[in-house]
Amino acid sequence: MALLHCHFPSAALAVQASMYVILPDPKAGQDPYRPIPTLTLLHGLSDDADFAAWSIR
């Protein structure tokens, strides 16, 4: 599994935003380039500095 933490400028929010991406390891025999099912969780600017409050509640 890979955990990526990215920072990027958000023109819509006019702030530096961040996101976490978790990529699973491919299972034996699976195409590593297959599309990966995605779950997107959107949370507001009121969370803690790294926007991860949802993951520890």
C-alpha atoms as a PDB file:
ATOM      1  CA  MET A   1       0.000   0.000   0.000  1.00  0.00           C
ATOM      2  CA  ALA A   2       1.153   3.505  -0.734  1.00  0.00           C
ATOM      3  CA  LEU A   3       0.064   6.647   1.120  1.00  0.00           C
ATOM      4  CA  LEU A   4       0.581   9.940  -0.712  1.00  0.00           C
ATOM      5  CA  HIS A   5       0.100  13.342   0.908  1.00  0.00           C
ATOM      6  CA  CYS A   6      -0.083  16.119  -1.700  1.00  0.00           C
ATOM      7  CA  HIS A   7      -0.267  19.897  -1.339  1.00  0.00           C
ATOM      8  CA  PHE A   8      -1.593  22.022  -4.208  1.00  0.00           C
ATOM      9  CA  PRO A   9      -2.857  25.565  -4.760  1.00  0.00           C
ATOM     10  CA  SER A  10      -6.653  25.820  -4.930  1.00  0.00           C
ATOM     11  CA  ALA A  11      -7.919  28.685  -7.074  1.00  0.00           C
ATOM     12  CA  ALA A  12     -11.504  28.037  -5.906  1.00  0.00           C
ATOM     13  CA  LEU A  13     -10.592  28.274  -2.200  1.00  0.00           C
ATOM     14  CA  ALA A  14      -7.744  30.778  -2.645  1.00  0.00           C
ATOM     15  CA  VAL A  15      -5.565  28.735  -0.258  1.00  0.00           C
ATOM     16  CA  GLN A  16      -3.009  25.966  -0.303  1.00  0.00           C
ATOM     17  CA  ALA A  17      -5.029  22.722  -0.152  1.00  0.00           C
ATOM     18  CA  SER A  18      -3.961  19.165   0.584  1.00  0.00           C
ATOM     19  CA  MET A  19      -5.157  15.645  -0.071  1.00  0.00           C
ATOM     20  CA  TYR A  20      -4.330  12.090   0.896  1.00  0.00           C
ATOM     21  CA  VAL A  21      -4.305   9.257  -1.642  1.00  0.00           C
ATOM     22  CA  ILE A  22      -4.125   5.600  -0.571  1.00  0.00           C
ATOM     23  CA  LEU A  23      -3.160   3.151  -3.309  1.00  0.00           C
ATOM     24  CA  PRO A  24      -3.595  -0.567  -2.633  1.00  0.00           C
ATOM     25  CA  ASP A  25      -1.008  -3.142  -3.654  1.00  0.00           C
ATOM     26  CA  PRO A  26      -2.106  -5.155  -6.696  1.00  0.00           C
ATOM     27  CA  LYS A  27      -3.121  -8.721  -5.902  1.00  0.00           C
ATOM     28  CA  ALA A  28      -1.242 -11.613  -7.517  1.00  0.00           C
ATOM     29  CA  GLY A  29      -2.349 -12.047 -11.114  1.00  0.00           C
ATOM     30  CA  GLN A  30      -4.098  -8.667 -11.357  1.00  0.00           C
ATOM     31  CA  ASP A  31      -3.215  -6.108 -13.990  1.00  0.00           C
ATOM     32  CA  PRO A  32      -1.344  -3.376 -12.066  1.00  0.00           C
ATOM     33  CA  TYR A  33      -2.648  -0.803 -14.583  1.00  0.00           C
ATOM     34  CA  ARG A  34      -6.340  -1.634 -14.127  1.00  0.00           C
ATOM     35  CA  PRO A  35      -8.721   1.141 -13.070  1.00  0.00           C
ATOM     36  CA  ILE A  36      -8.902   1.384  -9.285  1.00  0.00           C
ATOM     37  CA  PRO A  37     -12.288   1.916  -7.588  1.00  0.00           C
ATOM     38  CA  THR A  38     -12.300   5.354  -5.975  1.00  0.00           C
ATOM     39  CA  LEU A  39     -13.888   6.793  -2.835  1.00  0.00           C
ATOM     40  CA  THR A  40     -13.697  10.584  -2.557  1.00  0.00           C
ATOM     41  CA  LEU A  41     -14.314  12.226   0.815  1.00  0.00           C
ATOM     42  CA  LEU A  42     -14.759  15.979   0.779  1.00  0.00           C
ATOM     43  CA  HIS A  43     -14.383  17.924   3.997  1.00  0.00           C
ATOM     44  CA  GLY A  44     -14.328  21.594   4.805  1.00  0.00           C
ATOM     45  CA  LEU A  45     -11.801  24.164   5.820  1.00  0.00           C
ATOM     46  CA  SER A  46     -12.901  23.965   9.454  1.00  0.00           C
ATOM     47  CA  ASP A  47     -10.952  20.735  10.061  1.00  0.00           C
ATOM     48  CA  ASP A  48      -7.443  20.648  11.475  1.00  0.00           C
ATOM     49  CA  ALA A  49      -4.450  21.926   9.530  1.00  0.00           C
ATOM     50  CA  ASP A  50      -3.967  18.724   7.506  1.00  0.00           C
ATOM     51  CA  PHE A  51      -7.700  18.072   6.850  1.00  0.00           C
ATOM     52  CA  ALA A  52      -7.458  14.609   8.413  1.00  0.00           C
ATOM     53  CA  ALA A  53      -9.826  15.051  11.373  1.00  0.00           C
ATOM     54  CA  TRP A  54     -12.331  12.624   9.773  1.00  0.00           C
ATOM     55  CA  SER A  55      -9.757   9.814   9.900  1.00  0.00           C
ATOM     56  CA  ILE A  56      -9.211  10.005  13.667  1.00  0.00           C
ATOM     57  CA  ARG A  57     -12.800  10.576  14.865  1.00  0.00           C
END
